Amino acid sequence: IRIRMCIWKAWKTITKRYKSLIKLRNLLNVKK
């Protein structure tokens, strides 16, 4: 949980968070 919080803070901006989550979604084939 705390590592996820650190990652979330490191991404900082909405754009960075969005792009990073998109990559993870595609990599993991998450239905979002």
Full PDB file with SEQRES, HELIX, SHEET, SSBOND, CRYST1, ORIGX, SCALE, CONECT and MASTER records, all heavy atoms in Angstrom:
SEQRES   1 A   32  ILE ARG ILE ARG MET CYS ILE TRP LYS ALA TRP LYS THR          
SEQRES   2 A   32  ILE THR LYS ARG TYR LYS SER LEU ILE LYS LEU ARG ASN          
SEQRES   3 A   32  LEU LEU ASN VAL LYS LYS                                      
HELIX    1 AA1 ARG A    2  TRP A   11  1                                  10    
HELIX    2 AA2 ILE A   14  LEU A   28  1                                  15    
CRYST1    1.000    1.000    1.000  90.00  90.00  90.00 P 1           1          
ORIGX1      1.000000  0.000000  0.000000        0.00000                         
ORIGX2      0.000000  1.000000  0.000000        0.00000                         
ORIGX3      0.000000  0.000000  1.000000        0.00000                         
SCALE1      1.000000  0.000000  0.000000        0.00000                         
SCALE2      0.000000  1.000000  0.000000        0.00000                         
SCALE3      0.000000  0.000000  1.000000        0.00000                         
ATOM      1  N   ILE A   1       0.836  -1.203   0.000  1.00  0.00           N  
ATOM      2  CA  ILE A   1       0.000   0.000   0.000  1.00  0.00           C  
ATOM      3  C   ILE A   1       0.871   1.253   0.000  1.00  0.00           C  
ATOM      4  O   ILE A   1       0.659   2.188  -0.775  1.00  0.00           O  
ATOM      5  CB  ILE A   1      -0.959   0.009   1.211  1.00  0.00           C  
ATOM      6  CG1 ILE A   1      -2.036  -1.069   1.048  1.00  0.00           C  
ATOM      7  CG2 ILE A   1      -1.608   1.383   1.384  1.00  0.00           C  
ATOM      8  CD1 ILE A   1      -2.877  -1.286   2.297  1.00  0.00           C  
ATOM      9  N   ARG A   2       1.880   1.270   0.851  1.00  0.00           N  
ATOM     10  CA  ARG A   2       2.731   2.451   0.981  1.00  0.00           C  
ATOM     11  C   ARG A   2       3.597   2.658  -0.265  1.00  0.00           C  
ATOM     12  O   ARG A   2       3.865   3.801  -0.648  1.00  0.00           O  
ATOM     13  CB  ARG A   2       3.570   2.352   2.240  1.00  0.00           C  
ATOM     14  CG  ARG A   2       2.738   2.404   3.531  1.00  0.00           C  
ATOM     15  CD  ARG A   2       3.603   2.371   4.767  1.00  0.00           C  
ATOM     16  NE  ARG A   2       4.467   3.515   4.896  1.00  0.00           N  
ATOM     17  CZ  ARG A   2       4.129   4.687   5.414  1.00  0.00           C  
ATOM     18  NH1 ARG A   2       2.895   4.854   5.855  1.00  0.00           N  
ATOM     19  NH2 ARG A   2       4.993   5.693   5.489  1.00  0.00           N  
ATOM     20  N   ILE A   3       4.018   1.579  -0.908  1.00  0.00           N  
ATOM     21  CA  ILE A   3       4.776   1.714  -2.150  1.00  0.00           C  
ATOM     22  C   ILE A   3       3.885   2.288  -3.256  1.00  0.00           C  
ATOM     23  O   ILE A   3       4.320   3.141  -4.052  1.00  0.00           O  
ATOM     24  CB  ILE A   3       5.382   0.366  -2.579  1.00  0.00           C  
ATOM     25  CG1 ILE A   3       6.505  -0.038  -1.619  1.00  0.00           C  
ATOM     26  CG2 ILE A   3       5.911   0.441  -4.014  1.00  0.00           C  
ATOM     27  CD1 ILE A   3       7.697   0.897  -1.618  1.00  0.00           C  
ATOM     28  N   ARG A   4       2.625   1.854  -3.311  1.00  0.00           N  
ATOM     29  CA  ARG A   4       1.694   2.420  -4.294  1.00  0.00           C  
ATOM     30  C   ARG A   4       1.512   3.917  -4.060  1.00  0.00           C  
ATOM     31  O   ARG A   4       1.440   4.705  -5.013  1.00  0.00           O  
ATOM     32  CB  ARG A   4       0.340   1.705  -4.210  1.00  0.00           C  
ATOM     33  CG  ARG A   4       0.361   0.280  -4.740  1.00  0.00           C  
ATOM     34  CD  ARG A   4      -1.034  -0.320  -4.801  1.00  0.00           C  
ATOM     35  NE  ARG A   4      -0.974  -1.717  -5.254  1.00  0.00           N  
ATOM     36  CZ  ARG A   4      -1.112  -2.766  -4.467  1.00  0.00           C  
ATOM     37  NH1 ARG A   4      -1.323  -2.590  -3.156  1.00  0.00           N  
ATOM     38  NH2 ARG A   4      -1.026  -3.996  -4.960  1.00  0.00           N  
ATOM     39  N   MET A   5       1.471   4.313  -2.787  1.00  0.00           N  
ATOM     40  CA  MET A   5       1.354   5.730  -2.456  1.00  0.00           C  
ATOM     41  C   MET A   5       2.578   6.506  -2.935  1.00  0.00           C  
ATOM     42  O   MET A   5       2.473   7.618  -3.448  1.00  0.00           O  
ATOM     43  CB  MET A   5       1.165   5.894  -0.952  1.00  0.00           C  
ATOM     44  CG  MET A   5      -0.188   5.401  -0.446  1.00  0.00           C  
ATOM     45  SD  MET A   5      -0.242   5.165   1.360  1.00  0.00           S  
ATOM     46  CE  MET A   5      -0.038   6.822   1.944  1.00  0.00           C  
ATOM     47  N   CYS A   6       3.766   5.907  -2.774  1.00  0.00           N  
ATOM     48  CA  CYS A   6       5.008   6.547  -3.231  1.00  0.00           C  
ATOM     49  C   CYS A   6       5.017   6.703  -4.749  1.00  0.00           C  
ATOM     50  O   CYS A   6       5.428   7.742  -5.276  1.00  0.00           O  
ATOM     51  CB  CYS A   6       6.220   5.724  -2.787  1.00  0.00           C  
ATOM     52  SG  CYS A   6       6.512   5.714  -1.001  1.00  0.00           S  
ATOM     53  N   ILE A   7       4.578   5.673  -5.445  1.00  0.00           N  
ATOM     54  CA  ILE A   7       4.517   5.714  -6.912  1.00  0.00           C  
ATOM     55  C   ILE A   7       3.536   6.799  -7.359  1.00  0.00           C  
ATOM     56  O   ILE A   7       3.815   7.583  -8.270  1.00  0.00           O  
ATOM     57  CB  ILE A   7       4.120   4.342  -7.480  1.00  0.00           C  
ATOM     58  CG1 ILE A   7       5.220   3.314  -7.213  1.00  0.00           C  
ATOM     59  CG2 ILE A   7       3.832   4.440  -8.976  1.00  0.00           C  
ATOM     60  CD1 ILE A   7       4.823   1.879  -7.558  1.00  0.00           C  
ATOM     61  N   TRP A   8       2.385   6.831  -6.698  1.00  0.00           N  
ATOM     62  CA  TRP A   8       1.350   7.810  -7.032  1.00  0.00           C  
ATOM     63  C   TRP A   8       1.873   9.241  -6.880  1.00  0.00           C  
ATOM     64  O   TRP A   8       1.624  10.098  -7.736  1.00  0.00           O  
ATOM     65  CB  TRP A   8       0.133   7.575  -6.154  1.00  0.00           C  
ATOM     66  CG  TRP A   8      -1.139   8.240  -6.613  1.00  0.00           C  
ATOM     67  CD1 TRP A   8      -1.888   9.141  -5.926  1.00  0.00           C  
ATOM     68  CD2 TRP A   8      -1.823   8.026  -7.849  1.00  0.00           C  
ATOM     69  NE1 TRP A   8      -2.997   9.516  -6.649  1.00  0.00           N  
ATOM     70  CE2 TRP A   8      -2.979   8.830  -7.846  1.00  0.00           C  
ATOM     71  CE3 TRP A   8      -1.559   7.227  -8.967  1.00  0.00           C  
ATOM     72  CZ2 TRP A   8      -3.875   8.859  -8.902  1.00  0.00           C  
ATOM     73  CZ3 TRP A   8      -2.450   7.262 -10.031  1.00  0.00           C  
ATOM     74  CH2 TRP A   8      -3.588   8.081  -9.988  1.00  0.00           C  
ATOM     75  N   LYS A   9       2.616   9.476  -5.821  1.00  0.00           N  
ATOM     76  CA  LYS A   9       3.175  10.810  -5.616  1.00  0.00           C  
ATOM     77  C   LYS A   9       4.248  11.122  -6.653  1.00  0.00           C  
ATOM     78  O   LYS A   9       4.346  12.233  -7.157  1.00  0.00           O  
ATOM     79  CB  LYS A   9       3.775  10.945  -4.216  1.00  0.00           C  
ATOM     80  CG  LYS A   9       4.305  12.359  -3.966  1.00  0.00           C  
ATOM     81  CD  LYS A   9       4.886  12.554  -2.599  1.00  0.00           C  
ATOM     82  CE  LYS A   9       5.364  14.006  -2.436  1.00  0.00           C  
ATOM     83  NZ  LYS A   9       5.993  14.233  -1.115  1.00  0.00           N  
ATOM     84  N   ALA A  10       5.081  10.112  -6.972  1.00  0.00           N  
ATOM     85  CA  ALA A  10       6.175  10.321  -7.932  1.00  0.00           C  
ATOM     86  C   ALA A  10       5.646  10.689  -9.317  1.00  0.00           C  
ATOM     87  O   ALA A  10       6.306  11.422 -10.062  1.00  0.00           O  
ATOM     88  CB  ALA A  10       7.052   9.076  -8.012  1.00  0.00           C  
ATOM     89  N   TRP A  11       4.483  10.178  -9.670  1.00  0.00           N  
ATOM     90  CA  TRP A  11       3.918  10.509 -10.976  1.00  0.00           C  
ATOM     91  C   TRP A  11       3.442  11.965 -11.056  1.00  0.00           C  
ATOM     92  O   TRP A  11       3.386  12.536 -12.154  1.00  0.00           O  
ATOM     93  CB  TRP A  11       2.762   9.555 -11.307  1.00  0.00           C  
ATOM     94  CG  TRP A  11       3.226   8.189 -11.685  1.00  0.00           C  
ATOM     95  CD1 TRP A  11       4.481   7.815 -12.031  1.00  0.00           C  
ATOM     96  CD2 TRP A  11       2.437   7.007 -11.752  1.00  0.00           C  
ATOM     97  NE1 TRP A  11       4.533   6.486 -12.311  1.00  0.00           N  
ATOM     98  CE2 TRP A  11       3.285   5.947 -12.136  1.00  0.00           C  
ATOM     99  CE3 TRP A  11       1.102   6.712 -11.496  1.00  0.00           C  
ATOM    100  CZ2 TRP A  11       2.838   4.643 -12.293  1.00  0.00           C  
ATOM    101  CZ3 TRP A  11       0.645   5.403 -11.642  1.00  0.00           C  
ATOM    102  CH2 TRP A  11       1.508   4.389 -12.039  1.00  0.00           C  
ATOM    103  N   LYS A  12       3.080  12.537  -9.914  1.00  0.00           N  
ATOM    104  CA  LYS A  12       2.806  13.968  -9.718  1.00  0.00           C  
ATOM    105  C   LYS A  12       1.589  14.502 -10.481  1.00  0.00           C  
ATOM    106  O   LYS A  12       0.566  14.825  -9.915  1.00  0.00           O  
ATOM    107  CB  LYS A  12       4.045  14.806 -10.075  1.00  0.00           C  
ATOM    108  CG  LYS A  12       5.194  14.627  -9.106  1.00  0.00           C  
ATOM    109  CD  LYS A  12       6.342  15.525  -9.474  1.00  0.00           C  
ATOM    110  CE  LYS A  12       7.485  15.313  -8.468  1.00  0.00           C  
ATOM    111  NZ  LYS A  12       8.653  16.167  -8.782  1.00  0.00           N  
ATOM    112  N   THR A  13       1.719  14.611 -11.832  1.00  0.00           N  
ATOM    113  CA  THR A  13       0.668  15.278 -12.605  1.00  0.00           C  
ATOM    114  C   THR A  13      -0.406  14.303 -13.065  1.00  0.00           C  
ATOM    115  O   THR A  13      -0.176  13.096 -13.177  1.00  0.00           O  
ATOM    116  CB  THR A  13       1.255  15.982 -13.843  1.00  0.00           C  
ATOM    117  OG1 THR A  13       1.773  14.995 -14.748  1.00  0.00           O  
ATOM    118  CG2 THR A  13       2.372  16.947 -13.436  1.00  0.00           C  
ATOM    119  N   ILE A  14      -1.561  14.875 -13.376  1.00  0.00           N  
ATOM    120  CA  ILE A  14      -2.665  14.061 -13.880  1.00  0.00           C  
ATOM    121  C   ILE A  14      -2.272  13.386 -15.193  1.00  0.00           C  
ATOM    122  O   ILE A  14      -2.555  12.203 -15.414  1.00  0.00           O  
ATOM    123  CB  ILE A  14      -3.920  14.933 -14.078  1.00  0.00           C  
ATOM    124  CG1 ILE A  14      -4.420  15.461 -12.723  1.00  0.00           C  
ATOM    125  CG2 ILE A  14      -5.029  14.151 -14.778  1.00  0.00           C  
ATOM    126  CD1 ILE A  14      -5.555  16.479 -12.835  1.00  0.00           C  
ATOM    127  N   THR A  15      -1.592  14.130 -16.052  1.00  0.00           N  
ATOM    128  CA  THR A  15      -1.187  13.575 -17.347  1.00  0.00           C  
ATOM    129  C   THR A  15      -0.230  12.405 -17.173  1.00  0.00           C  
ATOM    130  O   THR A  15      -0.384  11.365 -17.825  1.00  0.00           O  
ATOM    131  CB  THR A  15      -0.515  14.667 -18.207  1.00  0.00           C  
ATOM    132  OG1 THR A  15      -1.427  15.743 -18.396  1.00  0.00           O  
ATOM    133  CG2 THR A  15      -0.097  14.108 -19.550  1.00  0.00           C  
ATOM    134  N   LYS A  16       0.760  12.566 -16.301  1.00  0.00           N  
ATOM    135  CA  LYS A  16       1.716  11.495 -16.039  1.00  0.00           C  
ATOM    136  C   LYS A  16       1.019  10.277 -15.465  1.00  0.00           C  
ATOM    137  O   LYS A  16       1.305   9.128 -15.849  1.00  0.00           O  
ATOM    138  CB  LYS A  16       2.800  11.992 -15.076  1.00  0.00           C  
ATOM    139  CG  LYS A  16       3.782  10.923 -14.603  1.00  0.00           C  
ATOM    140  CD  LYS A  16       4.688  10.442 -15.714  1.00  0.00           C  
ATOM    141  CE  LYS A  16       5.755   9.509 -15.155  1.00  0.00           C  
ATOM    142  NZ  LYS A  16       6.610   8.943 -16.212  1.00  0.00           N  
ATOM    143  N   ARG A  17       0.108  10.490 -14.534  1.00  0.00           N  
ATOM    144  CA  ARG A  17      -0.628   9.392 -13.926  1.00  0.00           C  
ATOM    145  C   ARG A  17      -1.482   8.671 -14.981  1.00  0.00           C  
ATOM    146  O   ARG A  17      -1.547   7.443 -15.017  1.00  0.00           O  
ATOM    147  CB  ARG A  17      -1.505   9.910 -12.783  1.00  0.00           C  
ATOM    148  CG  ARG A  17      -0.699  10.343 -11.566  1.00  0.00           C  
ATOM    149  CD  ARG A  17      -1.550  11.048 -10.525  1.00  0.00           C  
ATOM    150  NE  ARG A  17      -0.741  11.349  -9.326  1.00  0.00           N  
ATOM    151  CZ  ARG A  17      -1.185  12.045  -8.288  1.00  0.00           C  
ATOM    152  NH1 ARG A  17      -2.425  12.537  -8.300  1.00  0.00           N  
ATOM    153  NH2 ARG A  17      -0.400  12.269  -7.243  1.00  0.00           N  
ATOM    154  N   TYR A  18      -2.129   9.457 -15.821  1.00  0.00           N  
ATOM    155  CA  TYR A  18      -2.986   8.872 -16.853  1.00  0.00           C  
ATOM    156  C   TYR A  18      -2.178   7.997 -17.812  1.00  0.00           C  
ATOM    157  O   TYR A  18      -2.549   6.846 -18.086  1.00  0.00           O  
ATOM    158  CB  TYR A  18      -3.697   9.991 -17.622  1.00  0.00           C  
ATOM    159  CG  TYR A  18      -4.550   9.504 -18.768  1.00  0.00           C  
ATOM    160  CD1 TYR A  18      -5.765   8.859 -18.544  1.00  0.00           C  
ATOM    161  CD2 TYR A  18      -4.126   9.691 -20.092  1.00  0.00           C  
ATOM    162  CE1 TYR A  18      -6.549   8.400 -19.605  1.00  0.00           C  
ATOM    163  CE2 TYR A  18      -4.901   9.241 -21.148  1.00  0.00           C  
ATOM    164  CZ  TYR A  18      -6.106   8.596 -20.901  1.00  0.00           C  
ATOM    165  OH  TYR A  18      -6.865   8.135 -21.955  1.00  0.00           O  
ATOM    166  N   LYS A  19      -1.090   8.527 -18.341  1.00  0.00           N  
ATOM    167  CA  LYS A  19      -0.265   7.784 -19.288  1.00  0.00           C  
ATOM    168  C   LYS A  19       0.323   6.522 -18.662  1.00  0.00           C  
ATOM    169  O   LYS A  19       0.371   5.458 -19.288  1.00  0.00           O  
ATOM    170  CB  LYS A  19       0.849   8.680 -19.825  1.00  0.00           C  
ATOM    171  CG  LYS A  19       0.364   9.785 -20.750  1.00  0.00           C  
ATOM    172  CD  LYS A  19       1.525  10.633 -21.236  1.00  0.00           C  
ATOM    173  CE  LYS A  19       1.042  11.715 -22.214  1.00  0.00           C  
ATOM    174  NZ  LYS A  19       2.172  12.564 -22.683  1.00  0.00           N  
ATOM    175  N   SER A  20       0.759   6.622 -17.397  1.00  0.00           N  
ATOM    176  CA  SER A  20       1.347   5.472 -16.708  1.00  0.00           C  
ATOM    177  C   SER A  20       0.314   4.383 -16.466  1.00  0.00           C  
ATOM    178  O   SER A  20       0.590   3.188 -16.628  1.00  0.00           O  
ATOM    179  CB  SER A  20       1.963   5.913 -15.376  1.00  0.00           C  
ATOM    180  OG  SER A  20       2.998   6.852 -15.575  1.00  0.00           O  
ATOM    181  N   LEU A  21      -0.900   4.796 -16.090  1.00  0.00           N  
ATOM    182  CA  LEU A  21      -1.965   3.824 -15.842  1.00  0.00           C  
ATOM    183  C   LEU A  21      -2.439   3.163 -17.138  1.00  0.00           C  
ATOM    184  O   LEU A  21      -2.779   1.978 -17.147  1.00  0.00           O  
ATOM    185  CB  LEU A  21      -3.133   4.505 -15.133  1.00  0.00           C  
ATOM    186  CG  LEU A  21      -2.869   4.957 -13.686  1.00  0.00           C  
ATOM    187  CD1 LEU A  21      -4.067   5.734 -13.142  1.00  0.00           C  
ATOM    188  CD2 LEU A  21      -2.564   3.771 -12.789  1.00  0.00           C  
ATOM    189  N   ILE A  22      -2.451   3.927 -18.221  1.00  0.00           N  
ATOM    190  CA  ILE A  22      -2.805   3.357 -19.520  1.00  0.00           C  
ATOM    191  C   ILE A  22      -1.819   2.257 -19.902  1.00  0.00           C  
ATOM    192  O   ILE A  22      -2.202   1.178 -20.364  1.00  0.00           O  
ATOM    193  CB  ILE A  22      -2.857   4.446 -20.616  1.00  0.00           C  
ATOM    194  CG1 ILE A  22      -4.094   5.337 -20.431  1.00  0.00           C  
ATOM    195  CG2 ILE A  22      -2.834   3.833 -22.008  1.00  0.00           C  
ATOM    196  CD1 ILE A  22      -5.408   4.658 -20.775  1.00  0.00           C  
ATOM    197  N   LYS A  23      -0.533   2.517 -19.726  1.00  0.00           N  
ATOM    198  CA  LYS A  23       0.490   1.515 -20.034  1.00  0.00           C  
ATOM    199  C   LYS A  23       0.283   0.245 -19.213  1.00  0.00           C  
ATOM    200  O   LYS A  23       0.378  -0.867 -19.732  1.00  0.00           O  
ATOM    201  CB  LYS A  23       1.881   2.095 -19.758  1.00  0.00           C  
ATOM    202  CG  LYS A  23       2.356   3.111 -20.782  1.00  0.00           C  
ATOM    203  CD  LYS A  23       3.755   3.608 -20.435  1.00  0.00           C  
ATOM    204  CE  LYS A  23       4.231   4.651 -21.444  1.00  0.00           C  
ATOM    205  NZ  LYS A  23       5.583   5.181 -21.074  1.00  0.00           N  
ATOM    206  N   LEU A  24       0.009   0.420 -17.929  1.00  0.00           N  
ATOM    207  CA  LEU A  24      -0.209  -0.729 -17.057  1.00  0.00           C  
ATOM    208  C   LEU A  24      -1.467  -1.488 -17.456  1.00  0.00           C  
ATOM    209  O   LEU A  24      -1.499  -2.720 -17.463  1.00  0.00           O  
ATOM    210  CB  LEU A  24      -0.303  -0.273 -15.595  1.00  0.00           C  
ATOM    211  CG  LEU A  24       1.016   0.131 -14.930  1.00  0.00           C  
ATOM    212  CD1 LEU A  24       0.749   0.780 -13.576  1.00  0.00           C  
ATOM    213  CD2 LEU A  24       1.917  -1.094 -14.745  1.00  0.00           C  
ATOM    214  N   ARG A  25      -2.513  -0.754 -17.778  1.00  0.00           N  
ATOM    215  CA  ARG A  25      -3.758  -1.409 -18.201  1.00  0.00           C  
ATOM    216  C   ARG A  25      -3.536  -2.281 -19.431  1.00  0.00           C  
ATOM    217  O   ARG A  25      -3.982  -3.428 -19.507  1.00  0.00           O  
ATOM    218  CB  ARG A  25      -4.813  -0.351 -18.508  1.00  0.00           C  
ATOM    219  CG  ARG A  25      -6.152  -0.956 -18.932  1.00  0.00           C  
ATOM    220  CD  ARG A  25      -6.984   0.038 -19.716  1.00  0.00           C  
ATOM    221  NE  ARG A  25      -6.370   0.418 -20.986  1.00  0.00           N  
ATOM    222  CZ  ARG A  25      -6.910   1.313 -21.831  1.00  0.00           C  
ATOM    223  NH1 ARG A  25      -8.068   1.901 -21.524  1.00  0.00           N  
ATOM    224  NH2 ARG A  25      -6.270   1.617 -22.967  1.00  0.00           N  
ATOM    225  N   ASN A  26      -2.821  -1.739 -20.407  1.00  0.00           N  
ATOM    226  CA  ASN A  26      -2.566  -2.471 -21.642  1.00  0.00           C  
ATOM    227  C   ASN A  26      -1.650  -3.669 -21.407  1.00  0.00           C  
ATOM    228  O   ASN A  26      -1.836  -4.738 -21.991  1.00  0.00           O  
ATOM    229  CB  ASN A  26      -1.954  -1.549 -22.695  1.00  0.00           C  
ATOM    230  CG  ASN A  26      -2.909  -0.445 -23.112  1.00  0.00           C  
ATOM    231  OD1 ASN A  26      -4.135  -0.563 -22.937  1.00  0.00           O  
ATOM    232  ND2 ASN A  26      -2.376   0.639 -23.688  1.00  0.00           N  
ATOM    233  N   LEU A  27      -0.665  -3.471 -20.541  1.00  0.00           N  
ATOM    234  CA  LEU A  27       0.284  -4.537 -20.253  1.00  0.00           C  
ATOM    235  C   LEU A  27      -0.387  -5.695 -19.531  1.00  0.00           C  
ATOM    236  O   LEU A  27      -0.127  -6.869 -19.824  1.00  0.00           O  
ATOM    237  CB  LEU A  27       1.443  -3.990 -19.414  1.00  0.00           C  
ATOM    238  CG  LEU A  27       2.544  -4.978 -18.999  1.00  0.00           C  
ATOM    239  CD1 LEU A  27       3.309  -5.463 -20.238  1.00  0.00           C  
ATOM    240  CD2 LEU A  27       3.503  -4.326 -18.014  1.00  0.00           C  
ATOM    241  N   LEU A  28      -1.268  -5.372 -18.592  1.00  0.00           N  
ATOM    242  CA  LEU A  28      -1.900  -6.379 -17.754  1.00  0.00           C  
ATOM    243  C   LEU A  28      -3.253  -6.833 -18.273  1.00  0.00           C  
ATOM    244  O   LEU A  28      -3.878  -7.729 -17.690  1.00  0.00           O  
ATOM    245  CB  LEU A  28      -2.056  -5.833 -16.323  1.00  0.00           C  
ATOM    246  CG  LEU A  28      -0.755  -5.452 -15.620  1.00  0.00           C  
ATOM    247  CD1 LEU A  28      -1.059  -4.675 -14.333  1.00  0.00           C  
ATOM    248  CD2 LEU A  28       0.071  -6.686 -15.311  1.00  0.00           C  
ATOM    249  N   ASN A  29      -3.711  -6.164 -19.357  1.00  0.00           N  
ATOM    250  CA  ASN A  29      -5.017  -6.505 -19.940  1.00  0.00           C  
ATOM    251  C   ASN A  29      -6.149  -6.338 -18.922  1.00  0.00           C  
ATOM    252  O   ASN A  29      -7.033  -7.195 -18.795  1.00  0.00           O  
ATOM    253  CB  ASN A  29      -5.003  -7.931 -20.505  1.00  0.00           C  
ATOM    254  CG  ASN A  29      -6.141  -8.169 -21.487  1.00  0.00           C  
ATOM    255  OD1 ASN A  29      -6.620  -7.231 -22.147  1.00  0.00           O  
ATOM    256  ND2 ASN A  29      -6.568  -9.424 -21.579  1.00  0.00           N  
ATOM    257  N   VAL A  30      -6.103  -5.235 -18.205  1.00  0.00           N  
ATOM    258  CA  VAL A  30      -7.126  -4.926 -17.221  1.00  0.00           C  
ATOM    259  C   VAL A  30      -8.342  -4.318 -17.928  1.00  0.00           C  
ATOM    260  O   VAL A  30      -8.202  -3.471 -18.815  1.00  0.00           O  
ATOM    261  CB  VAL A  30      -6.587  -3.944 -16.149  1.00  0.00           C  
ATOM    262  CG1 VAL A  30      -7.698  -3.546 -15.175  1.00  0.00           C  
ATOM    263  CG2 VAL A  30      -5.430  -4.572 -15.396  1.00  0.00           C  
ATOM    264  N   LYS A  31      -9.533  -4.766 -17.554  1.00  0.00           N  
ATOM    265  CA  LYS A  31     -10.755  -4.305 -18.194  1.00  0.00           C  
ATOM    266  C   LYS A  31     -11.211  -2.964 -17.624  1.00  0.00           C  
ATOM    267  O   LYS A  31     -12.116  -2.894 -16.783  1.00  0.00           O  
ATOM    268  CB  LYS A  31     -11.854  -5.356 -18.045  1.00  0.00           C  
ATOM    269  CG  LYS A  31     -11.578  -6.651 -18.801  1.00  0.00           C  
ATOM    270  CD  LYS A  31     -12.695  -7.652 -18.640  1.00  0.00           C  
ATOM    271  CE  LYS A  31     -12.405  -8.930 -19.427  1.00  0.00           C  
ATOM    272  NZ  LYS A  31     -13.480  -9.947 -19.279  1.00  0.00           N  
ATOM    273  N   LYS A  32     -10.518  -1.920 -18.060  1.00  0.00           N  
ATOM    274  CA  LYS A  32     -10.898  -0.559 -17.691  1.00  0.00           C  
ATOM    275  C   LYS A  32     -10.818   0.322 -18.923  1.00  0.00           C  
ATOM    276  O   LYS A  32      -9.876   0.225 -19.723  1.00  0.00           O  
ATOM    277  CB  LYS A  32      -9.988  -0.001 -16.596  1.00  0.00           C  
ATOM    278  CG  LYS A  32     -10.219  -0.599 -15.223  1.00  0.00           C  
ATOM    279  CD  LYS A  32      -9.410   0.128 -14.150  1.00  0.00           C  
ATOM    280  CE  LYS A  32      -9.612  -0.501 -12.761  1.00  0.00           C  
ATOM    281  NZ  LYS A  32     -11.005  -0.349 -12.270  1.00  0.00           N  
TER     282      LYS A  32                                                      
MASTER        0    0    0    2    0    0    0    6  281    1    0    3          
END                                                                             
